[in-house]
C-alpha cells in the first residue's frame, strides 16, 4: 500500500518526494528540447545533470552505428523536430548535431549562468550546444 498525503494538525505528512523515475523523465524531456531547439533554460542543478547526459548522447551520435542509435533512443523522446520534413529529435541528433562535432573531443554543451528565478530564487542557467 502506498503512503498517502495525510492531513492533520501538523499539515501534510508523508509527501511524495522527487523520485528517480521523475528525475529521469524530466531529464528526457529537457534533453529532447535541447536537441530540437539548441538551447534551454533550467535550474543550475538540472543543468549539471543535463550536460553530462547531452554530451553522452552526442558521443553516441558521433559513432553513428545502430547500437549507438538504440542507446540514444532510450533517452530522446519521439517528438517532431521539424514539421515540414517530419524529422524526429533522434534523427536531428544523428543527422545535424553530430556532424558539427566530428573534430571535437567532448565539451559539446555550455552552461551560462543567468539571474535567479522570481518565485523561489533558484539559480537559472542557459544550457546550449556549442
Protein backbone atom coordinates (compact mmCIF):
# COMPACT_ATOMS: atom_id res chain seq x y z
CA UNK A 1 0.00 0.00 0.00
CA UNK A 2 1.35 3.42 -0.93
CA UNK A 3 1.86 6.20 1.57
CA UNK A 4 -0.71 8.90 1.12
CA UNK A 5 -0.61 12.59 1.91
CA UNK A 6 -2.08 12.60 5.41
CA UNK A 7 -3.56 15.90 6.55
CA UNK A 8 -3.84 16.81 10.20
CA UNK A 9 -2.89 19.45 12.74
CA UNK A 10 0.73 19.42 11.57
CA UNK A 11 -0.10 19.90 7.89
CA UNK A 12 0.72 17.41 5.16
CA UNK A 13 2.86 14.46 6.23
CA UNK A 14 4.40 11.76 4.04
CA UNK A 15 4.51 13.97 0.96
CA UNK A 16 5.72 12.16 -2.12
CA UNK A 17 9.30 13.11 -2.96
CA UNK A 18 11.19 13.66 -6.18
CA UNK A 19 11.86 10.07 -7.19
CA UNK A 20 14.50 8.73 -9.56
CA UNK A 21 11.83 7.93 -12.16
CA UNK A 22 10.52 11.51 -12.11
CA UNK A 23 14.06 12.85 -12.40
CA UNK A 24 14.86 10.62 -15.38
CA UNK A 25 11.62 11.59 -17.08
CA UNK A 26 12.36 15.28 -16.58
CA UNK A 27 15.88 14.84 -17.99
CA UNK A 28 14.49 13.03 -21.04
CA UNK A 29 12.13 15.93 -21.72
CA UNK A 30 14.83 18.57 -21.27
CA UNK A 31 17.49 16.81 -23.38
CA UNK A 32 14.97 16.31 -26.19
CA UNK A 33 14.16 20.04 -26.11
CA UNK A 34 17.88 20.83 -26.14
CA UNK A 35 18.35 18.76 -29.30
CA UNK A 36 15.35 20.33 -31.05
CA UNK A 37 15.98 23.98 -30.13
CA UNK A 38 19.71 24.05 -29.39
CA UNK A 39 19.29 25.81 -26.04
CA UNK A 40 17.14 25.50 -22.93
CA UNK A 41 16.73 27.37 -19.62
CA UNK A 42 16.84 25.19 -16.49
CA UNK A 43 17.92 25.41 -12.87
CA UNK A 44 21.61 25.01 -12.07
CA UNK A 45 21.19 21.54 -10.52
CA UNK A 46 19.31 20.30 -13.59
CA UNK A 47 21.89 21.90 -15.89
CA UNK A 48 24.73 19.89 -14.37
CA UNK A 49 22.83 16.63 -14.94
CA UNK A 50 21.75 17.72 -18.41
CA UNK A 51 25.27 18.49 -19.63
CA UNK A 52 26.59 15.03 -18.83
CA UNK A 53 23.60 13.34 -20.50
CA UNK A 54 23.71 15.58 -23.59
CA UNK A 55 27.45 15.03 -24.05
CA UNK A 56 26.93 11.28 -23.83
CA UNK A 57 24.16 11.43 -26.46
CA UNK A 58 26.31 13.47 -28.86
CA UNK A 59 29.10 10.92 -28.44
CA UNK A 60 26.64 8.15 -29.33
CA UNK A 61 25.55 10.13 -32.37
CA UNK A 62 29.15 10.65 -33.49
CA UNK A 63 29.64 6.88 -33.51
CA UNK A 64 26.60 6.57 -35.75
CA UNK A 65 26.07 2.80 -35.68
CA UNK A 66 22.80 1.02 -34.94
CA UNK A 67 23.73 0.15 -31.36
CA UNK A 68 24.51 3.79 -30.59
CA UNK A 69 21.21 4.87 -32.14
CA UNK A 70 19.32 2.45 -29.91
CA UNK A 71 21.23 3.62 -26.82
CA UNK A 72 20.36 7.23 -27.65
CA UNK A 73 16.73 6.31 -28.35
CA UNK A 74 16.40 5.24 -24.70
CA UNK A 75 16.67 8.89 -23.66
CA UNK A 76 15.45 11.05 -26.56
CA UNK A 77 11.68 11.49 -26.72
CA UNK A 78 9.98 10.72 -30.07
CA UNK A 79 8.97 14.33 -30.75
CA UNK A 80 8.89 16.02 -34.14
CA UNK A 81 11.82 18.43 -34.54
CA UNK A 82 10.89 19.74 -38.00
CA UNK A 83 7.24 19.73 -39.05
CA UNK A 84 7.95 20.26 -42.74
CA UNK A 85 10.16 17.19 -43.15
CA UNK A 86 8.73 15.15 -40.25
CA UNK A 87 12.21 14.75 -38.76
CA UNK A 88 12.29 13.50 -35.15
CA UNK A 89 14.63 14.67 -32.42
CA UNK A 90 16.66 11.45 -32.67
CA UNK A 91 17.12 11.90 -36.42
CA UNK A 92 18.16 15.50 -35.89
CA UNK A 93 20.71 14.40 -33.30
CA UNK A 94 22.32 11.92 -35.69
CA UNK A 95 21.94 13.88 -38.96
CA UNK A 96 22.55 17.51 -37.95
CA UNK A 97 24.02 17.78 -34.46
CA UNK A 98 26.67 15.04 -34.56
CA UNK A 99 28.40 16.14 -37.82
CA UNK A 100 29.09 19.56 -36.26
CA UNK A 101 31.29 17.95 -33.60
CA UNK A 102 33.36 15.48 -35.65
CA UNK A 103 36.63 17.25 -34.85
CA UNK A 104 35.75 17.99 -31.21
CA UNK A 105 36.55 15.62 -28.33
CA UNK A 106 33.92 16.35 -25.69
CA UNK A 107 32.57 19.60 -24.34
CA UNK A 108 29.61 19.85 -26.71
CA UNK A 109 27.50 21.95 -24.34
CA UNK A 110 28.00 25.13 -22.35
CA UNK A 111 26.34 26.44 -19.19
CA UNK A 112 25.76 30.18 -18.89
CA UNK A 113 24.54 31.36 -15.51
CA UNK A 114 21.62 33.77 -15.64
CA UNK A 115 19.70 35.50 -12.87
CA UNK A 116 17.68 33.81 -10.14
CA UNK A 117 14.10 32.72 -10.70
CA UNK A 118 11.38 35.09 -9.49
CA UNK A 119 9.27 32.73 -7.39
CA UNK A 120 11.74 30.64 -5.38
CA UNK A 121 15.06 32.41 -6.08
CA UNK A 122 16.52 29.28 -7.71
CA UNK A 123 19.63 29.94 -9.87
CA UNK A 124 18.74 29.66 -13.56
CA UNK A 125 21.19 28.63 -16.29
CA UNK A 126 21.09 28.60 -20.05
CA UNK A 127 22.39 25.32 -21.48
CA UNK A 128 23.23 25.41 -25.17
CA UNK A 129 25.03 23.31 -27.73
CA UNK A 130 28.40 24.89 -28.56
